N, C-alpha and C. Protein backbone atom coordinates (compact mmCIF):
# COMPACT_ATOMS: atom_id res chain seq x y z
N MET A 1 31.39 5.87 20.37
CA MET A 1 30.73 6.28 19.14
C MET A 1 29.22 6.26 19.37
N LYS A 2 28.54 7.09 18.63
CA LYS A 2 27.08 7.11 18.68
C LYS A 2 26.56 6.25 17.53
N VAL A 3 25.80 5.21 17.88
CA VAL A 3 25.35 4.22 16.91
C VAL A 3 23.83 4.20 16.87
N LEU A 4 23.30 4.30 15.67
CA LEU A 4 21.87 4.15 15.43
C LEU A 4 21.64 2.74 14.90
N VAL A 5 20.84 1.96 15.60
CA VAL A 5 20.47 0.62 15.18
C VAL A 5 19.02 0.67 14.72
N ILE A 6 18.76 0.20 13.50
CA ILE A 6 17.39 0.09 13.01
C ILE A 6 17.15 -1.38 12.73
N GLU A 7 16.39 -2.02 13.60
CA GLU A 7 16.15 -3.46 13.58
C GLU A 7 14.77 -3.73 14.17
N ASP A 8 13.91 -4.42 13.43
CA ASP A 8 12.54 -4.64 13.90
C ASP A 8 12.39 -5.80 14.87
N SER A 9 13.33 -6.71 14.93
CA SER A 9 13.24 -7.86 15.83
C SER A 9 13.71 -7.47 17.23
N LEU A 10 12.88 -7.75 18.22
CA LEU A 10 13.26 -7.48 19.61
C LEU A 10 14.54 -8.21 19.97
N ALA A 11 14.62 -9.49 19.64
CA ALA A 11 15.79 -10.29 20.01
C ALA A 11 17.07 -9.73 19.40
N MET A 12 17.06 -9.50 18.09
CA MET A 12 18.27 -9.00 17.42
C MET A 12 18.61 -7.58 17.86
N GLY A 13 17.61 -6.71 17.91
CA GLY A 13 17.84 -5.32 18.28
C GLY A 13 18.40 -5.17 19.69
N LYS A 14 17.80 -5.91 20.61
CA LYS A 14 18.24 -5.82 22.00
C LYS A 14 19.62 -6.45 22.18
N ALA A 15 19.85 -7.62 21.57
CA ALA A 15 21.16 -8.28 21.69
C ALA A 15 22.27 -7.41 21.10
N LEU A 16 22.03 -6.86 19.91
CA LEU A 16 23.02 -6.00 19.27
C LEU A 16 23.28 -4.76 20.12
N SER A 17 22.23 -4.13 20.61
CA SER A 17 22.38 -2.93 21.45
C SER A 17 23.18 -3.24 22.70
N GLU A 18 22.90 -4.37 23.35
CA GLU A 18 23.62 -4.74 24.56
C GLU A 18 25.12 -4.91 24.30
N ILE A 19 25.46 -5.57 23.20
CA ILE A 19 26.88 -5.76 22.86
C ILE A 19 27.55 -4.42 22.62
N LEU A 20 26.92 -3.56 21.85
CA LEU A 20 27.50 -2.25 21.54
C LEU A 20 27.66 -1.40 22.79
N ILE A 21 26.68 -1.44 23.69
CA ILE A 21 26.76 -0.67 24.94
C ILE A 21 27.91 -1.19 25.80
N ARG A 22 28.08 -2.51 25.88
CA ARG A 22 29.21 -3.08 26.64
C ARG A 22 30.55 -2.61 26.07
N GLN A 23 30.59 -2.35 24.77
CA GLN A 23 31.83 -1.88 24.14
C GLN A 23 32.02 -0.37 24.31
N GLY A 24 31.09 0.29 24.99
CA GLY A 24 31.23 1.70 25.28
C GLY A 24 30.54 2.64 24.31
N HIS A 25 29.76 2.11 23.39
CA HIS A 25 29.05 2.96 22.43
C HIS A 25 27.73 3.45 23.02
N GLN A 26 27.29 4.61 22.54
CA GLN A 26 25.95 5.11 22.85
C GLN A 26 25.03 4.61 21.75
N VAL A 27 23.94 3.95 22.12
CA VAL A 27 23.08 3.30 21.14
C VAL A 27 21.66 3.85 21.21
N THR A 28 21.12 4.15 20.05
CA THR A 28 19.70 4.45 19.89
C THR A 28 19.15 3.37 18.97
N TRP A 29 18.08 2.71 19.40
CA TRP A 29 17.52 1.59 18.65
C TRP A 29 16.11 1.93 18.19
N LEU A 30 15.92 1.89 16.89
CA LEU A 30 14.60 2.07 16.28
C LEU A 30 14.14 0.75 15.68
N THR A 31 12.83 0.53 15.67
CA THR A 31 12.28 -0.68 15.06
C THR A 31 11.75 -0.41 13.66
N GLY A 32 11.69 0.85 13.27
CA GLY A 32 11.23 1.21 11.93
C GLY A 32 11.40 2.70 11.70
N VAL A 33 11.19 3.11 10.46
CA VAL A 33 11.34 4.52 10.08
C VAL A 33 10.05 4.97 9.40
N LYS A 34 9.49 6.08 9.91
CA LYS A 34 8.27 6.64 9.32
C LYS A 34 8.59 7.68 8.26
N THR A 35 9.54 8.56 8.56
CA THR A 35 9.99 9.57 7.59
C THR A 35 11.51 9.71 7.71
N MET A 36 12.13 10.14 6.60
CA MET A 36 13.58 10.32 6.64
C MET A 36 13.99 11.78 6.71
N GLU A 37 13.16 12.68 6.26
CA GLU A 37 13.45 14.12 6.32
C GLU A 37 12.24 14.85 6.86
N PRO A 38 12.18 15.12 8.13
CA PRO A 38 13.14 14.76 9.17
C PRO A 38 13.02 13.29 9.52
N LEU A 39 14.06 12.75 10.15
CA LEU A 39 14.05 11.34 10.55
C LEU A 39 13.10 11.16 11.73
N VAL A 40 12.06 10.39 11.50
CA VAL A 40 11.14 10.00 12.57
C VAL A 40 11.08 8.48 12.55
N GLY A 41 11.48 7.90 13.66
CA GLY A 41 11.49 6.45 13.77
C GLY A 41 10.62 5.99 14.91
N THR A 42 10.38 4.69 14.94
CA THR A 42 9.59 4.07 15.99
C THR A 42 10.53 3.30 16.91
N VAL A 43 10.38 3.53 18.21
CA VAL A 43 11.16 2.77 19.18
C VAL A 43 10.37 1.54 19.60
N HIS A 44 11.07 0.57 20.21
CA HIS A 44 10.38 -0.62 20.71
C HIS A 44 9.29 -0.18 21.68
N GLY A 45 8.10 -0.62 21.46
CA GLY A 45 6.96 -0.20 22.27
C GLY A 45 6.00 0.68 21.50
N GLY A 46 6.46 1.20 20.34
CA GLY A 46 5.55 1.90 19.45
C GLY A 46 5.60 3.41 19.45
N ASN A 47 6.35 4.04 20.34
CA ASN A 47 6.41 5.50 20.34
C ASN A 47 7.32 6.01 19.24
N ASP A 48 7.03 7.22 18.77
CA ASP A 48 7.84 7.85 17.73
C ASP A 48 8.96 8.67 18.37
N LEU A 49 10.07 8.77 17.65
CA LEU A 49 11.23 9.52 18.11
C LEU A 49 11.80 10.29 16.92
N SER A 50 11.99 11.60 17.08
CA SER A 50 12.59 12.43 16.03
C SER A 50 14.09 12.52 16.26
N LEU A 51 14.85 12.26 15.20
CA LEU A 51 16.31 12.24 15.27
C LEU A 51 16.90 12.88 14.03
N ASN A 52 18.21 13.05 14.03
CA ASN A 52 18.96 13.47 12.85
C ASN A 52 20.03 12.42 12.57
N PHE A 53 20.10 11.95 11.32
CA PHE A 53 21.13 10.97 10.97
C PHE A 53 22.52 11.49 11.30
N ASP A 54 22.75 12.78 11.07
CA ASP A 54 24.11 13.31 11.26
C ASP A 54 24.50 13.47 12.73
N ASP A 55 23.62 13.10 13.66
CA ASP A 55 23.98 13.07 15.07
C ASP A 55 24.69 11.76 15.44
N PHE A 56 24.80 10.84 14.48
CA PHE A 56 25.36 9.52 14.74
C PHE A 56 26.63 9.30 13.93
N ASP A 57 27.48 8.40 14.43
CA ASP A 57 28.70 8.01 13.73
C ASP A 57 28.46 6.81 12.83
N PHE A 58 27.57 5.92 13.26
CA PHE A 58 27.30 4.68 12.54
C PHE A 58 25.82 4.37 12.55
N LEU A 59 25.39 3.72 11.47
CA LEU A 59 24.06 3.14 11.37
C LEU A 59 24.24 1.65 11.11
N ILE A 60 23.60 0.82 11.91
CA ILE A 60 23.53 -0.62 11.63
C ILE A 60 22.09 -0.89 11.26
N GLU A 61 21.89 -1.29 10.00
CA GLU A 61 20.56 -1.32 9.38
C GLU A 61 20.13 -2.72 8.97
N ASP A 62 18.97 -3.12 9.44
CA ASP A 62 18.34 -4.37 9.01
C ASP A 62 17.83 -4.19 7.58
N GLY A 63 17.83 -5.27 6.82
CA GLY A 63 17.39 -5.20 5.42
C GLY A 63 15.89 -5.09 5.25
N GLU A 64 15.14 -5.87 6.03
CA GLU A 64 13.68 -5.88 5.94
C GLU A 64 13.09 -5.46 7.28
N LEU A 65 12.26 -4.44 7.25
CA LEU A 65 11.65 -3.93 8.47
C LEU A 65 10.13 -4.05 8.37
N LYS A 66 9.57 -4.96 9.14
CA LYS A 66 8.12 -5.15 9.12
C LYS A 66 7.42 -3.90 9.67
N GLY A 67 6.45 -3.41 8.93
CA GLY A 67 5.67 -2.27 9.38
C GLY A 67 6.34 -0.92 9.21
N SER A 68 7.50 -0.88 8.60
CA SER A 68 8.22 0.38 8.41
C SER A 68 7.89 0.96 7.04
N ALA A 69 7.77 2.27 6.98
CA ALA A 69 7.50 2.94 5.70
C ALA A 69 8.71 2.81 4.76
N TYR A 70 9.89 2.66 5.32
CA TYR A 70 11.12 2.54 4.53
C TYR A 70 11.84 1.25 4.89
N GLN A 71 12.54 0.68 3.93
CA GLN A 71 13.30 -0.55 4.12
C GLN A 71 14.80 -0.24 4.11
N GLY A 72 15.59 -1.25 4.45
CA GLY A 72 17.02 -1.08 4.62
C GLY A 72 17.74 -0.41 3.48
N VAL A 73 17.48 -0.84 2.25
CA VAL A 73 18.18 -0.27 1.10
C VAL A 73 17.88 1.22 0.97
N GLU A 74 16.62 1.61 1.12
CA GLU A 74 16.24 3.03 1.02
C GLU A 74 16.90 3.85 2.12
N ILE A 75 16.90 3.30 3.32
CA ILE A 75 17.47 4.02 4.46
C ILE A 75 18.98 4.20 4.29
N VAL A 76 19.67 3.13 3.91
CA VAL A 76 21.12 3.21 3.69
C VAL A 76 21.43 4.17 2.54
N ASN A 77 20.67 4.10 1.47
CA ASN A 77 20.87 4.99 0.33
C ASN A 77 20.81 6.45 0.78
N HIS A 78 19.88 6.77 1.65
CA HIS A 78 19.73 8.14 2.15
C HIS A 78 20.81 8.48 3.19
N ALA A 79 21.01 7.58 4.14
CA ALA A 79 21.86 7.89 5.30
C ALA A 79 23.36 7.82 5.00
N SER A 80 23.77 7.05 4.00
CA SER A 80 25.21 6.84 3.77
C SER A 80 25.95 8.12 3.38
N ALA A 81 25.24 9.14 2.95
CA ALA A 81 25.89 10.43 2.67
C ALA A 81 26.21 11.17 3.97
N LEU A 82 25.59 10.74 5.08
CA LEU A 82 25.72 11.45 6.35
C LEU A 82 26.51 10.70 7.42
N LEU A 83 26.54 9.37 7.32
CA LEU A 83 27.23 8.56 8.32
C LEU A 83 27.58 7.21 7.74
N HIS A 84 28.42 6.47 8.43
CA HIS A 84 28.83 5.14 7.99
C HIS A 84 27.71 4.15 8.28
N CYS A 85 27.43 3.28 7.33
CA CYS A 85 26.34 2.31 7.46
C CYS A 85 26.86 0.89 7.32
N ILE A 86 26.23 -0.01 8.08
CA ILE A 86 26.49 -1.44 7.98
C ILE A 86 25.16 -2.12 7.71
N GLY A 87 25.11 -2.93 6.67
CA GLY A 87 23.92 -3.73 6.40
C GLY A 87 23.93 -4.95 7.29
N PHE A 88 22.74 -5.33 7.79
CA PHE A 88 22.64 -6.39 8.80
C PHE A 88 21.37 -7.18 8.53
N SER A 89 21.49 -8.23 7.72
CA SER A 89 20.31 -9.01 7.35
C SER A 89 20.66 -10.49 7.30
N SER A 90 19.67 -11.33 7.52
CA SER A 90 19.89 -12.77 7.36
C SER A 90 19.89 -13.16 5.88
N GLN A 91 19.46 -12.23 5.03
CA GLN A 91 19.40 -12.47 3.59
C GLN A 91 20.59 -11.81 2.89
N PRO A 92 21.52 -12.60 2.34
CA PRO A 92 22.71 -12.02 1.69
C PRO A 92 22.37 -11.01 0.60
N GLU A 93 21.27 -11.23 -0.12
CA GLU A 93 20.92 -10.29 -1.20
C GLU A 93 20.58 -8.90 -0.65
N PHE A 94 19.98 -8.82 0.53
CA PHE A 94 19.71 -7.51 1.13
C PHE A 94 21.00 -6.84 1.56
N ASN A 95 21.92 -7.62 2.13
CA ASN A 95 23.21 -7.04 2.51
C ASN A 95 23.94 -6.50 1.29
N GLN A 96 23.92 -7.24 0.19
CA GLN A 96 24.59 -6.79 -1.03
C GLN A 96 23.93 -5.53 -1.58
N LYS A 97 22.61 -5.47 -1.56
CA LYS A 97 21.92 -4.27 -2.03
C LYS A 97 22.27 -3.06 -1.16
N MET A 98 22.39 -3.28 0.14
CA MET A 98 22.75 -2.16 1.02
C MET A 98 24.19 -1.71 0.74
N VAL A 99 25.10 -2.65 0.49
CA VAL A 99 26.47 -2.29 0.12
C VAL A 99 26.45 -1.51 -1.20
N ASN A 100 25.67 -1.96 -2.16
CA ASN A 100 25.56 -1.27 -3.45
C ASN A 100 24.99 0.14 -3.30
N ASN A 101 24.29 0.39 -2.20
CA ASN A 101 23.68 1.70 -1.96
C ASN A 101 24.41 2.51 -0.89
N GLY A 102 25.65 2.12 -0.57
CA GLY A 102 26.47 2.97 0.29
C GLY A 102 26.91 2.39 1.62
N ALA A 103 26.47 1.18 1.99
CA ALA A 103 26.93 0.59 3.25
C ALA A 103 28.41 0.24 3.15
N VAL A 104 29.12 0.39 4.25
CA VAL A 104 30.54 0.05 4.32
C VAL A 104 30.72 -1.44 4.03
N PHE A 105 29.87 -2.27 4.62
CA PHE A 105 29.82 -3.70 4.35
C PHE A 105 28.49 -4.24 4.85
N GLY A 106 28.21 -5.48 4.50
CA GLY A 106 27.01 -6.15 4.97
C GLY A 106 27.41 -7.42 5.70
N ALA A 107 26.66 -7.77 6.73
CA ALA A 107 26.96 -8.96 7.51
C ALA A 107 25.68 -9.70 7.85
N LYS A 108 25.76 -11.02 7.76
CA LYS A 108 24.59 -11.83 8.07
C LYS A 108 24.36 -11.89 9.58
N LYS A 109 23.09 -12.07 9.93
CA LYS A 109 22.74 -12.35 11.32
C LYS A 109 23.02 -13.83 11.56
N PRO A 110 23.51 -14.25 12.66
CA PRO A 110 24.05 -13.50 13.80
C PRO A 110 25.56 -13.28 13.73
N VAL A 111 26.16 -13.45 12.55
CA VAL A 111 27.62 -13.33 12.41
C VAL A 111 28.12 -11.98 12.92
N LEU A 112 27.41 -10.90 12.62
CA LEU A 112 27.83 -9.58 13.07
C LEU A 112 27.87 -9.52 14.60
N LEU A 113 26.86 -10.08 15.25
CA LEU A 113 26.82 -10.08 16.71
C LEU A 113 28.00 -10.84 17.29
N VAL A 114 28.30 -12.01 16.73
CA VAL A 114 29.40 -12.83 17.24
C VAL A 114 30.74 -12.13 17.00
N ALA A 115 30.93 -11.52 15.84
CA ALA A 115 32.18 -10.80 15.55
C ALA A 115 32.38 -9.63 16.51
N LEU A 116 31.30 -8.92 16.82
CA LEU A 116 31.38 -7.83 17.80
C LEU A 116 31.66 -8.39 19.20
N GLU A 117 30.93 -9.43 19.57
CA GLU A 117 31.09 -10.04 20.90
C GLU A 117 32.51 -10.58 21.09
N ALA A 118 33.09 -11.16 20.04
CA ALA A 118 34.44 -11.72 20.12
C ALA A 118 35.52 -10.65 20.07
N GLY A 119 35.15 -9.42 19.72
CA GLY A 119 36.13 -8.35 19.61
C GLY A 119 36.89 -8.34 18.30
N VAL A 120 36.48 -9.17 17.36
CA VAL A 120 37.12 -9.23 16.04
C VAL A 120 36.74 -8.02 15.21
N LEU A 121 35.53 -7.54 15.40
CA LEU A 121 35.04 -6.36 14.69
C LEU A 121 34.90 -5.22 15.68
N LYS A 122 35.56 -4.12 15.38
CA LYS A 122 35.45 -2.91 16.18
C LYS A 122 34.97 -1.80 15.24
N LEU A 123 33.90 -1.14 15.63
CA LEU A 123 33.35 -0.10 14.75
C LEU A 123 34.38 0.97 14.44
N GLU A 124 35.24 1.26 15.39
CA GLU A 124 36.26 2.29 15.20
C GLU A 124 37.18 1.97 14.02
N GLU A 125 37.32 0.69 13.69
CA GLU A 125 38.22 0.26 12.62
C GLU A 125 37.47 -0.14 11.35
N ALA A 126 36.17 -0.16 11.40
CA ALA A 126 35.36 -0.73 10.31
C ALA A 126 35.52 0.01 8.99
N VAL A 127 35.61 1.32 9.02
CA VAL A 127 35.70 2.08 7.77
C VAL A 127 37.07 1.90 7.13
N ALA A 128 38.12 2.02 7.92
CA ALA A 128 39.48 1.90 7.39
C ALA A 128 39.77 0.50 6.87
N GLN A 129 39.10 -0.49 7.44
CA GLN A 129 39.38 -1.88 7.08
C GLN A 129 38.17 -2.56 6.45
N GLN A 130 37.37 -1.81 5.72
CA GLN A 130 36.11 -2.38 5.23
C GLN A 130 36.30 -3.58 4.31
N LYS A 131 37.30 -3.58 3.44
CA LYS A 131 37.49 -4.74 2.56
C LYS A 131 37.90 -5.97 3.35
N GLU A 132 38.84 -5.79 4.28
CA GLU A 132 39.28 -6.91 5.11
C GLU A 132 38.12 -7.47 5.93
N ILE A 133 37.33 -6.57 6.50
CA ILE A 133 36.20 -7.00 7.33
C ILE A 133 35.15 -7.71 6.50
N SER A 134 34.88 -7.21 5.31
CA SER A 134 33.91 -7.87 4.43
C SER A 134 34.33 -9.30 4.13
N LEU A 135 35.60 -9.49 3.79
CA LEU A 135 36.10 -10.83 3.51
C LEU A 135 36.07 -11.70 4.76
N LEU A 136 36.47 -11.13 5.86
CA LEU A 136 36.49 -11.84 7.13
C LEU A 136 35.09 -12.33 7.51
N LEU A 137 34.11 -11.44 7.44
CA LEU A 137 32.75 -11.81 7.83
C LEU A 137 32.11 -12.78 6.85
N ALA A 138 32.44 -12.65 5.58
CA ALA A 138 31.91 -13.60 4.59
C ALA A 138 32.42 -15.00 4.90
N ASP A 139 33.68 -15.09 5.25
CA ASP A 139 34.28 -16.38 5.61
C ASP A 139 33.70 -16.90 6.92
N TYR A 140 33.49 -16.02 7.88
CA TYR A 140 32.98 -16.43 9.18
C TYR A 140 31.59 -17.04 9.10
N ASP A 141 30.84 -16.63 8.13
CA ASP A 141 29.51 -17.20 7.97
C ASP A 141 29.59 -18.72 7.87
N GLN A 142 30.63 -19.21 7.22
CA GLN A 142 30.82 -20.64 7.05
C GLN A 142 31.66 -21.27 8.17
N THR A 143 32.65 -20.54 8.65
CA THR A 143 33.62 -21.15 9.57
C THR A 143 33.42 -20.81 11.04
N MET A 144 32.75 -19.71 11.34
CA MET A 144 32.65 -19.24 12.72
C MET A 144 32.07 -20.27 13.69
N PRO A 145 30.97 -20.94 13.35
CA PRO A 145 30.40 -21.88 14.33
C PRO A 145 31.35 -23.01 14.71
N LYS A 146 32.30 -23.35 13.84
CA LYS A 146 33.21 -24.47 14.09
C LYS A 146 34.57 -24.01 14.64
N ASN A 147 34.84 -22.72 14.61
CA ASN A 147 36.14 -22.19 15.01
C ASN A 147 36.22 -22.07 16.53
N PRO A 148 37.20 -22.72 17.18
CA PRO A 148 37.32 -22.66 18.65
C PRO A 148 37.44 -21.24 19.19
N GLN A 149 38.05 -20.34 18.40
CA GLN A 149 38.20 -18.94 18.83
C GLN A 149 36.84 -18.29 19.08
N PHE A 150 35.82 -18.76 18.38
CA PHE A 150 34.51 -18.13 18.47
C PHE A 150 33.48 -18.96 19.22
N SER A 151 33.89 -20.09 19.77
CA SER A 151 32.89 -20.95 20.41
C SER A 151 32.22 -20.27 21.60
N GLN A 152 32.98 -19.61 22.46
CA GLN A 152 32.37 -18.94 23.61
C GLN A 152 31.53 -17.73 23.20
N PRO A 153 32.06 -16.83 22.34
CA PRO A 153 31.19 -15.72 21.91
C PRO A 153 29.94 -16.21 21.19
N TRP A 154 30.08 -17.26 20.37
CA TRP A 154 28.93 -17.81 19.65
C TRP A 154 27.89 -18.32 20.65
N GLN A 155 28.36 -19.05 21.67
CA GLN A 155 27.45 -19.59 22.68
C GLN A 155 26.76 -18.48 23.47
N ARG A 156 27.51 -17.41 23.81
CA ARG A 156 26.91 -16.29 24.55
C ARG A 156 25.82 -15.61 23.72
N VAL A 157 26.13 -15.36 22.45
CA VAL A 157 25.15 -14.72 21.56
C VAL A 157 23.94 -15.63 21.37
N GLU A 158 24.19 -16.89 21.12
CA GLU A 158 23.09 -17.84 20.91
C GLU A 158 22.19 -17.93 22.14
N GLN A 159 22.79 -17.99 23.33
CA GLN A 159 22.02 -18.07 24.58
C GLN A 159 21.19 -16.81 24.78
N ARG A 160 21.80 -15.65 24.54
CA ARG A 160 21.07 -14.39 24.73
C ARG A 160 19.93 -14.27 23.73
N LEU A 161 20.15 -14.68 22.49
CA LEU A 161 19.08 -14.64 21.49
C LEU A 161 17.94 -15.57 21.87
N ARG A 162 18.27 -16.74 22.41
CA ARG A 162 17.21 -17.66 22.87
C ARG A 162 16.37 -17.02 23.97
N GLU A 163 17.04 -16.39 24.93
CA GLU A 163 16.32 -15.72 26.03
C GLU A 163 15.40 -14.63 25.49
N LEU A 164 15.93 -13.84 24.57
CA LEU A 164 15.15 -12.73 24.02
C LEU A 164 14.02 -13.21 23.12
N MET A 165 14.23 -14.32 22.41
CA MET A 165 13.15 -14.86 21.57
C MET A 165 12.02 -15.42 22.43
N LYS A 166 12.35 -15.95 23.59
CA LYS A 166 11.30 -16.37 24.52
C LYS A 166 10.45 -15.17 24.91
N GLU A 167 11.14 -14.06 25.19
CA GLU A 167 10.46 -12.82 25.55
C GLU A 167 9.61 -12.29 24.39
N GLU A 168 10.18 -12.33 23.18
CA GLU A 168 9.51 -11.77 22.01
C GLU A 168 8.37 -12.66 21.51
N PHE A 169 8.62 -13.96 21.43
CA PHE A 169 7.66 -14.87 20.80
C PHE A 169 7.01 -15.85 21.77
N GLY A 170 7.47 -15.88 23.00
CA GLY A 170 6.91 -16.81 23.96
C GLY A 170 7.30 -18.25 23.69
N ILE A 171 8.46 -18.46 23.02
CA ILE A 171 8.90 -19.83 22.73
C ILE A 171 10.07 -20.23 23.60
């Protein structure tokens, strides 16, 4: 599948893209959106890229984008008529707003990464099973860190995010 990721954090954007690429998806990662018609986004490093939403099968959208002319809710509201969208924010209220504006479901960071890494969430099944996945991910927010089934995927995601945050923030 062709997946558009819009995420301003280097650590989250890169980690999510790596997981999706390992699963065989083609990924384009933007850190922000300048215009929606036509779609002009910013890639990591600051260059602009012109795209079409309808060239993608899925959009995974961050709720808050620093320095972006448009935020997650606006982008999902526009894009959901053209492709399937997933809200991806650490703030549950942003995920809910994106769902209210057309996202298939919303998932907290890093729960979405761990669910993808563990193979519990497959984009190919996300639309047909959106209610089940929403309930599953909501529950995982509380239970995933303690569940033995997810201990290795959780550790892999956590380790990769630490490495990337060192790169991004020097910590």
